[in-house]
N, C-alpha and C. Protein backbone atom coordinates (compact mmCIF):
# COMPACT_ATOMS: atom_id res chain seq x y z
N MET A 1 55.37 82.65 51.96
CA MET A 1 53.95 82.90 51.70
C MET A 1 53.44 83.18 50.51
N MET A 2 54.33 83.84 49.63
CA MET A 2 54.17 84.31 48.41
C MET A 2 53.90 83.36 47.47
N GLY A 3 54.41 81.88 47.83
CA GLY A 3 53.83 81.12 46.74
C GLY A 3 52.27 80.66 47.45
N ARG A 4 52.07 80.95 48.20
CA ARG A 4 49.99 80.74 48.52
C ARG A 4 49.51 81.93 48.03
N TYR A 5 49.70 82.62 47.22
CA TYR A 5 49.07 84.23 47.30
C TYR A 5 47.83 83.88 46.32
N GLY A 6 48.00 82.88 45.36
CA GLY A 6 46.76 82.51 44.56
C GLY A 6 45.84 81.69 45.28
N TYR A 7 45.99 81.30 46.33
CA TYR A 7 45.18 80.58 47.28
C TYR A 7 44.26 81.51 47.84
N MET A 8 44.64 82.62 48.53
CA MET A 8 44.24 83.73 49.45
C MET A 8 43.20 84.51 48.87
N ASN A 9 42.31 84.80 49.77
CA ASN A 9 41.53 86.10 49.65
C ASN A 9 42.15 87.16 48.89
N ILE A 10 41.00 88.24 48.99
CA ILE A 10 41.41 89.49 48.01
C ILE A 10 42.19 90.07 49.12
N PHE A 11 42.27 90.07 50.68
CA PHE A 11 42.98 91.06 51.23
C PHE A 11 44.66 90.04 51.74
N ARG A 12 44.61 88.87 51.30
CA ARG A 12 45.72 88.22 51.53
C ARG A 12 46.03 87.80 52.75
N ILE A 13 45.06 87.32 53.64
CA ILE A 13 45.29 86.75 54.75
C ILE A 13 45.36 85.31 54.78
N PRO A 14 46.60 84.98 55.12
CA PRO A 14 46.82 83.39 55.22
C PRO A 14 45.90 82.57 56.16
N SER A 15 45.73 81.71 55.41
CA SER A 15 44.78 80.83 56.18
C SER A 15 45.22 79.58 57.42
N THR A 16 45.09 78.86 57.84
CA THR A 16 45.41 77.89 58.61
C THR A 16 45.91 77.13 57.51
N THR A 17 45.63 76.35 56.29
CA THR A 17 46.02 75.69 55.47
C THR A 17 47.43 76.06 54.71
N ASP A 18 47.23 77.52 54.33
CA ASP A 18 48.61 78.33 53.74
C ASP A 18 49.61 78.15 55.03
N LYS A 19 49.43 78.45 56.11
CA LYS A 19 50.47 78.38 57.18
C LYS A 19 51.08 77.00 57.17
N LYS A 20 50.43 75.95 57.16
CA LYS A 20 50.68 74.40 56.92
C LYS A 20 51.18 74.02 56.11
N VAL A 21 50.92 74.67 54.61
CA VAL A 21 51.74 74.31 53.30
C VAL A 21 53.02 75.08 53.50
N VAL A 22 53.18 76.28 53.71
CA VAL A 22 54.22 77.08 54.22
C VAL A 22 55.14 76.43 55.03
N ARG A 23 55.04 76.03 56.18
CA ARG A 23 55.84 75.54 56.98
C ARG A 23 56.31 74.03 56.57
N GLU A 24 55.42 73.34 55.77
CA GLU A 24 55.93 71.95 55.25
C GLU A 24 56.98 71.93 54.02
N SER A 25 56.43 73.30 53.45
CA SER A 25 57.41 73.37 52.21
C SER A 25 59.00 73.96 52.78
N LEU A 26 58.91 74.73 53.69
CA LEU A 26 60.14 75.33 54.25
C LEU A 26 60.76 74.26 55.09
N GLU A 27 60.33 73.46 55.71
CA GLU A 27 60.84 71.96 56.24
C GLU A 27 61.57 71.03 55.25
N ARG A 28 60.98 71.09 54.04
CA ARG A 28 61.20 69.96 53.24
C ARG A 28 62.81 70.58 52.68
N VAL A 29 62.98 72.27 52.82
CA VAL A 29 64.20 72.53 52.06
C VAL A 29 65.12 72.91 53.00
N GLN A 30 64.75 72.49 54.40
CA GLN A 30 65.73 72.56 55.58
C GLN A 30 65.76 73.99 55.60
N MET A 31 64.60 74.97 55.80
CA MET A 31 64.90 76.41 56.15
C MET A 31 63.67 76.91 56.80
N TRP A 32 62.73 75.98 57.53
CA TRP A 32 61.75 76.36 58.66
C TRP A 32 62.72 77.26 59.44
N GLU A 33 63.81 76.90 60.05
CA GLU A 33 64.70 77.85 61.18
C GLU A 33 65.03 79.27 60.65
N MET A 34 64.98 79.73 59.39
CA MET A 34 65.12 80.76 58.85
C MET A 34 64.07 81.58 58.67
N ARG A 35 62.90 81.24 58.74
CA ARG A 35 61.62 81.70 58.20
C ARG A 35 61.28 83.21 58.51
N ASP A 36 62.00 83.69 59.72
CA ASP A 36 61.56 85.02 60.08
C ASP A 36 62.78 86.27 59.28
N ARG A 37 63.87 85.55 58.89
CA ARG A 37 64.68 86.28 58.00
C ARG A 37 64.22 86.97 56.79
N GLN A 38 64.98 87.73 56.60
CA GLN A 38 64.40 88.95 55.21
C GLN A 38 65.52 88.25 54.05
N ILE A 39 64.83 88.25 52.87
CA ILE A 39 65.52 87.55 51.60
C ILE A 39 66.98 88.16 51.85
N GLY A 40 67.22 89.50 52.01
CA GLY A 40 68.42 89.72 51.74
C GLY A 40 69.62 89.59 52.65
N GLU A 41 69.03 89.02 53.70
CA GLU A 41 69.69 88.27 54.89
C GLU A 41 70.57 86.86 54.83
N LEU A 42 69.88 86.43 53.58
CA LEU A 42 70.10 84.86 53.35
C LEU A 42 71.39 84.63 52.39
N SER A 43 72.13 83.79 52.66
CA SER A 43 73.35 83.33 51.55
C SER A 43 72.43 82.87 50.54
N GLY A 44 73.56 82.90 49.05
CA GLY A 44 72.92 82.38 47.91
C GLY A 44 72.06 81.28 47.94
N GLY A 45 72.71 80.08 48.52
CA GLY A 45 72.25 78.99 48.71
C GLY A 45 71.01 78.88 49.58
N GLN A 46 71.01 79.44 50.33
CA GLN A 46 69.87 79.56 51.04
C GLN A 46 68.51 80.49 50.18
N LYS A 47 68.99 81.37 49.78
CA LYS A 47 67.89 81.86 48.60
C LYS A 47 67.44 81.15 47.80
N LYS A 48 68.25 80.04 47.24
CA LYS A 48 67.90 78.95 46.34
C LYS A 48 66.80 78.23 47.00
N ARG A 49 67.13 77.69 48.25
CA ARG A 49 66.43 76.96 48.85
C ARG A 49 64.84 77.58 49.21
N ALA A 50 64.78 78.87 49.69
CA ALA A 50 63.71 79.77 49.76
C ALA A 50 62.97 79.83 48.90
N PHE A 51 63.21 80.11 47.35
CA PHE A 51 62.71 80.09 46.41
C PHE A 51 62.32 78.71 45.80
N PHE A 52 62.79 77.64 46.43
CA PHE A 52 62.34 76.37 45.90
C PHE A 52 61.02 76.07 46.75
N ALA A 53 61.19 76.52 48.21
CA ALA A 53 59.83 76.33 48.91
C ALA A 53 58.81 76.83 48.44
N ARG A 54 59.09 78.07 47.57
CA ARG A 54 57.69 78.87 47.62
C ARG A 54 57.01 78.35 45.99
N ALA A 55 58.07 77.68 45.19
CA ALA A 55 57.49 76.75 44.07
C ALA A 55 56.82 75.75 44.88
N LEU A 56 57.41 75.15 45.96
CA LEU A 56 56.75 73.91 46.38
C LEU A 56 55.18 74.18 46.99
N ALA A 57 55.24 75.33 47.75
CA ALA A 57 54.12 76.28 48.49
C ALA A 57 52.76 76.30 47.54
N GLN A 58 53.62 76.56 46.05
CA GLN A 58 52.24 76.76 45.11
C GLN A 58 51.57 75.49 44.57
N HIS A 59 52.20 74.06 44.87
CA HIS A 59 51.56 72.98 44.57
C HIS A 59 51.24 72.84 43.15
N GLY A 60 52.32 73.46 42.67
CA GLY A 60 52.15 73.29 41.16
C GLY A 60 52.57 71.80 40.73
N THR A 61 52.32 71.12 39.46
CA THR A 61 52.59 69.87 38.90
C THR A 61 53.86 69.73 38.23
N VAL A 62 54.15 71.29 37.60
CA VAL A 62 55.15 71.94 36.90
C VAL A 62 56.20 72.63 37.34
N LEU A 63 57.32 72.35 37.54
CA LEU A 63 58.73 73.08 38.25
C LEU A 63 59.20 73.46 37.07
N LEU A 64 59.99 74.59 36.95
CA LEU A 64 60.80 75.20 36.23
C LEU A 64 61.84 75.84 37.01
N LEU A 65 62.76 75.16 36.74
CA LEU A 65 64.08 75.96 38.02
C LEU A 65 65.31 76.22 37.00
N ASP A 66 65.63 77.41 37.08
CA ASP A 66 67.24 78.07 36.37
C ASP A 66 68.09 77.52 37.46
N GLU A 67 69.18 76.65 36.84
CA GLU A 67 70.51 76.76 37.65
C GLU A 67 70.37 76.46 39.35
N PRO A 68 69.50 75.61 39.56
CA PRO A 68 69.14 75.53 41.03
C PRO A 68 70.03 75.07 42.04
N PHE A 69 71.26 74.69 41.55
CA PHE A 69 72.38 74.12 42.07
C PHE A 69 73.53 75.00 42.38
N THR A 70 73.58 76.46 41.83
CA THR A 70 74.44 76.90 41.51
C THR A 70 74.52 77.70 43.09
N GLY A 71 75.77 78.06 43.75
CA GLY A 71 75.97 78.60 45.11
C GLY A 71 75.38 77.88 45.90
N VAL A 72 75.14 76.61 45.68
CA VAL A 72 74.76 75.76 47.19
C VAL A 72 75.70 74.85 47.38
N ASP A 73 75.98 74.16 48.73
CA ASP A 73 76.95 73.29 48.88
C ASP A 73 76.57 71.96 48.52
N ILE A 74 77.17 71.11 48.65
CA ILE A 74 77.26 69.44 48.58
C ILE A 74 75.90 68.76 48.74
N LYS A 75 76.07 69.23 50.21
CA LYS A 75 74.58 68.75 51.24
C LYS A 75 73.64 69.12 50.73
N THR A 76 73.47 70.37 50.43
CA THR A 76 72.16 71.19 49.92
C THR A 76 71.43 70.59 48.69
N GLU A 77 72.74 70.33 47.80
CA GLU A 77 72.44 69.91 46.45
C GLU A 77 72.05 68.40 46.33
N LYS A 78 72.51 67.74 47.62
CA LYS A 78 71.82 66.22 47.49
C LYS A 78 70.37 66.52 48.11
N THR A 79 70.15 67.31 49.14
CA THR A 79 69.12 67.69 49.69
C THR A 79 67.92 67.59 48.43
N MET A 80 68.16 69.06 47.71
CA MET A 80 67.46 69.17 46.36
C MET A 80 67.22 67.87 45.62
N ILE A 81 68.24 67.26 45.02
CA ILE A 81 68.20 66.30 43.99
C ILE A 81 67.38 65.33 44.71
N ASP A 82 67.46 64.88 46.17
CA ASP A 82 66.38 63.86 46.73
C ASP A 82 65.02 64.15 46.90
N LEU A 83 64.78 65.67 46.86
CA LEU A 83 63.05 66.34 46.69
C LEU A 83 62.97 66.29 45.24
N LEU A 84 63.74 66.43 44.38
CA LEU A 84 63.30 66.53 43.05
C LEU A 84 62.91 64.91 42.73
N LEU A 85 63.86 63.98 43.19
CA LEU A 85 63.30 62.64 42.89
C LEU A 85 61.78 62.52 43.30
N GLU A 86 61.43 62.75 44.57
CA GLU A 86 60.73 62.53 45.31
C GLU A 86 59.51 62.92 44.55
N LEU A 87 59.54 64.44 44.07
CA LEU A 87 58.70 64.91 43.28
C LEU A 87 58.28 64.25 41.66
N ARG A 88 59.51 63.69 41.30
CA ARG A 88 59.46 63.31 40.03
C ARG A 88 58.42 61.99 40.24
N GLU A 89 58.74 61.14 41.27
CA GLU A 89 58.04 59.83 41.61
C GLU A 89 56.52 60.24 41.91
N MET A 90 56.22 61.41 42.29
CA MET A 90 54.71 61.86 42.57
C MET A 90 54.06 62.24 41.37
N GLY A 91 54.65 62.37 39.83
CA GLY A 91 54.02 62.90 38.97
C GLY A 91 54.40 64.05 38.60
N HIS A 92 55.25 65.02 39.55
CA HIS A 92 55.60 66.21 38.37
C HIS A 92 56.35 66.05 37.55
N THR A 93 56.37 67.18 36.71
CA THR A 93 57.30 67.27 35.59
C THR A 93 58.33 68.56 36.08
N ILE A 94 59.41 68.33 36.05
CA ILE A 94 60.51 69.03 36.45
C ILE A 94 61.47 69.73 35.36
N LEU A 95 61.31 70.94 34.89
CA LEU A 95 62.47 71.30 33.87
C LEU A 95 63.38 71.90 34.19
N ILE A 96 64.39 71.71 34.18
CA ILE A 96 65.82 72.18 34.77
C ILE A 96 66.71 72.99 33.69
N SER A 97 67.31 73.95 33.73
CA SER A 97 68.32 74.51 33.07
C SER A 97 69.56 74.44 33.92
N THR A 98 70.73 73.90 33.14
CA THR A 98 71.81 73.79 34.42
C THR A 98 72.99 73.87 33.46
N HIS A 99 73.97 74.21 33.96
CA HIS A 99 75.39 73.66 33.43
C HIS A 99 76.00 72.81 34.31
N ASP A 100 75.73 72.63 35.37
CA ASP A 100 76.29 71.45 36.07
C ASP A 100 76.36 70.25 35.76
N LEU A 101 76.50 69.66 34.96
CA LEU A 101 76.67 68.34 33.98
C LEU A 101 77.02 67.41 35.24
N ALA A 102 77.93 67.63 36.05
CA ALA A 102 78.25 66.22 37.13
C ALA A 102 76.72 65.54 37.46
N SER A 103 75.83 66.27 37.82
CA SER A 103 74.81 65.74 38.55
C SER A 103 73.41 65.26 37.54
N ILE A 104 73.55 65.73 36.29
CA ILE A 104 72.65 65.26 35.23
C ILE A 104 72.04 63.97 35.37
N THR A 105 73.05 63.04 35.41
CA THR A 105 72.48 61.59 35.29
C THR A 105 72.03 61.12 36.65
N THR A 106 72.21 61.68 37.70
CA THR A 106 71.21 61.62 39.00
C THR A 106 69.77 61.78 38.99
N PHE A 107 69.52 62.60 38.26
CA PHE A 107 68.11 63.19 38.48
C PHE A 107 67.32 62.91 37.17
N CYS A 108 67.93 63.33 35.80
CA CYS A 108 67.33 63.70 34.82
C CYS A 108 67.01 62.47 33.83
N ASP A 109 65.78 62.12 33.62
CA ASP A 109 65.32 61.25 32.89
C ASP A 109 65.52 61.22 31.09
N GLN A 110 65.44 62.58 30.84
CA GLN A 110 65.83 63.17 29.13
C GLN A 110 66.53 64.34 29.55
N VAL A 111 67.38 64.87 28.46
CA VAL A 111 68.16 66.05 28.36
C VAL A 111 67.96 66.66 27.20
N VAL A 112 68.15 67.51 27.17
CA VAL A 112 68.02 68.74 25.61
C VAL A 112 69.61 69.06 25.93
N LEU A 113 70.57 69.06 24.79
CA LEU A 113 71.47 69.69 24.42
C LEU A 113 71.84 70.91 23.74
N ILE A 114 72.11 72.03 24.15
CA ILE A 114 72.22 73.36 23.41
C ILE A 114 73.09 74.09 22.93
N ASN A 115 73.62 74.45 22.16
CA ASN A 115 74.34 75.43 21.82
C ASN A 115 73.82 75.92 20.66
N ARG A 116 73.19 77.27 20.87
CA ARG A 116 72.84 78.13 19.90
C ARG A 116 71.38 77.71 19.24
N THR A 117 71.76 75.99 19.52
CA THR A 117 70.26 75.40 18.69
C THR A 117 70.31 74.11 19.19
N ILE A 118 69.25 73.12 19.21
CA ILE A 118 69.13 71.99 19.95
C ILE A 118 70.14 71.01 19.09
N LEU A 119 70.88 70.55 19.69
CA LEU A 119 71.93 69.34 19.14
C LEU A 119 71.61 68.17 19.36
N ALA A 120 70.92 67.97 20.38
CA ALA A 120 70.54 66.21 20.92
C ALA A 120 69.37 66.31 21.92
N TYR A 121 68.27 65.57 22.08
CA TYR A 121 67.65 65.43 22.81
C TYR A 121 67.01 64.17 22.82
N GLY A 122 66.45 63.58 24.13
CA GLY A 122 65.95 62.47 24.50
C GLY A 122 66.39 61.81 25.68
N ASN A 123 66.18 60.57 25.72
CA ASN A 123 66.67 59.89 26.74
C ASN A 123 68.08 60.10 27.57
N THR A 124 68.02 60.35 28.56
CA THR A 124 69.58 60.59 29.12
C THR A 124 70.53 59.56 28.72
N SER A 125 70.27 58.48 29.00
CA SER A 125 71.33 57.31 28.63
C SER A 125 71.76 57.30 27.28
N GLU A 126 71.02 57.74 26.36
CA GLU A 126 71.27 58.00 25.13
C GLU A 126 71.89 58.91 24.71
N VAL A 127 71.42 60.22 25.25
CA VAL A 127 72.10 61.68 24.63
C VAL A 127 73.02 61.99 25.24
N PHE A 128 73.60 61.60 26.84
CA PHE A 128 74.44 62.10 27.49
C PHE A 128 75.76 61.41 27.27
N THR A 129 76.10 61.69 25.91
CA THR A 129 77.29 60.87 25.46
C THR A 129 78.46 61.80 25.50
N GLU A 130 79.72 61.41 25.75
CA GLU A 130 80.82 62.25 25.12
C GLU A 130 80.94 62.92 23.79
N GLU A 131 80.46 62.23 22.78
CA GLU A 131 80.21 62.99 21.54
C GLU A 131 79.56 64.03 21.59
N ASN A 132 78.26 63.69 22.22
CA ASN A 132 77.29 65.06 22.14
C ASN A 132 77.51 66.13 23.05
N ILE A 133 78.35 65.55 24.33
CA ILE A 133 78.63 66.80 25.38
C ILE A 133 80.25 67.64 24.50
N SER A 134 80.70 66.95 23.88
CA SER A 134 81.79 67.54 23.52
C SER A 134 81.26 68.60 22.05
N ARG A 135 80.15 67.94 21.00
CA ARG A 135 79.71 68.84 20.23
C ARG A 135 79.06 69.90 20.95
N THR A 136 78.66 69.78 21.97
CA THR A 136 77.89 70.95 22.93
C THR A 136 78.84 71.98 23.36
N PHE A 137 79.84 71.76 24.38
CA PHE A 137 80.43 72.66 24.76
C PHE A 137 81.80 72.52 23.94
N GLY A 138 82.33 72.01 22.94
CA GLY A 138 83.57 72.08 22.51
C GLY A 138 84.50 71.60 23.47
N GLY A 139 85.60 71.02 22.89
CA GLY A 139 86.98 70.54 23.68
C GLY A 139 86.81 69.37 23.86
N SER A 140 87.35 68.52 24.96
CA SER A 140 87.20 67.42 25.13
C SER A 140 86.57 67.35 26.41
N LEU A 141 86.40 65.98 27.19
CA LEU A 141 85.92 65.90 28.64
C LEU A 141 86.87 66.30 29.72
N GLY A 142 87.99 66.22 29.20
CA GLY A 142 89.18 66.63 30.16
C GLY A 142 88.82 67.74 30.75
N ASP A 143 88.21 69.12 29.84
CA ASP A 143 88.38 70.32 29.98
C ASP A 143 87.15 70.40 30.83
N LEU A 144 86.03 69.23 30.99
CA LEU A 144 84.90 69.73 31.99
C LEU A 144 84.96 69.32 32.95
N PRO A 145 84.19 69.68 33.97
CA PRO A 145 84.30 69.43 35.72
C PRO A 145 83.85 67.90 36.00
N PHE A 146 83.93 66.95 35.38
CA PHE A 146 83.40 65.77 35.76
C PHE A 146 84.52 64.96 34.80
N SER A 147 84.78 63.58 35.02
CA SER A 147 85.47 62.72 34.30
C SER A 147 84.64 61.88 33.15
N LYS A 148 85.58 61.52 32.47
CA LYS A 148 85.10 60.71 31.42
C LYS A 148 84.40 59.40 31.82
N SER A 149 85.11 58.70 32.79
CA SER A 149 85.08 57.16 33.52
C SER A 149 83.41 57.67 33.78
N ARG A 150 83.35 58.75 34.75
CA ARG A 150 81.73 58.84 35.28
C ARG A 150 80.94 58.61 34.34
N ILE A 151 80.95 59.37 33.14
CA ILE A 151 79.75 59.40 31.90
C ILE A 151 79.77 58.08 31.75
N THR A 152 81.10 57.55 30.94
CA THR A 152 80.89 56.03 30.62
C THR A 152 79.88 54.95 31.43
N ARG A 153 80.67 55.02 33.04
CA ARG A 153 80.18 54.15 33.92
C ARG A 153 78.45 54.25 33.51
N GLU A 154 78.24 55.34 34.04
CA GLU A 154 76.47 55.54 34.36
C GLU A 154 75.94 55.37 33.04
N ASN A 155 76.50 55.52 32.00
CA ASN A 155 75.61 55.26 30.92
C ASN A 155 75.67 53.52 30.45
N GLN A 156 76.81 53.13 30.66
CA GLN A 156 76.91 51.55 30.88
C GLN A 156 75.70 50.87 31.87
N GLU A 157 75.74 51.37 32.87
CA GLU A 157 74.54 50.85 33.70
C GLU A 157 73.21 51.30 33.55
N GLY A 158 73.30 52.14 32.76
CA GLY A 158 71.71 52.62 32.32
C GLY A 158 71.11 53.59 32.97
N MET A 159 71.99 54.16 34.13
CA MET A 159 71.50 54.93 34.80
C MET A 159 70.71 54.02 36.02
């Protein structure tokens, strides 16, 4: 409900619309059944989904997410990526800070590679290359948590 505070009156009494939006937001991240739990009772991945639901409830058109997939299982990550793709199709702007390089080509239209300064930015298919990733993180792709063949294949397919 915290995501709805900006829409509430001075007494912070949720309206029928607020309750509906919160329910829809929690259902979208598959957290409705945990609606009565305290935030401290949730696992790390559940907290991420609850915070994502709060952002959805705000009805903003720009989302800023910091490491949204850290601590979530593969099923939750896929659910969140599907939701991000849906929001993108609806015209939302989504900015994500992540070290999870394996999923970037799945949902990012553009990337910025940073190592103390911006090293490369632009369309994912042009910027997310072996050379740029190596410049950003140092070492070879063999040291990274995904394979060279995946990057090469996805870049050739134009995503």
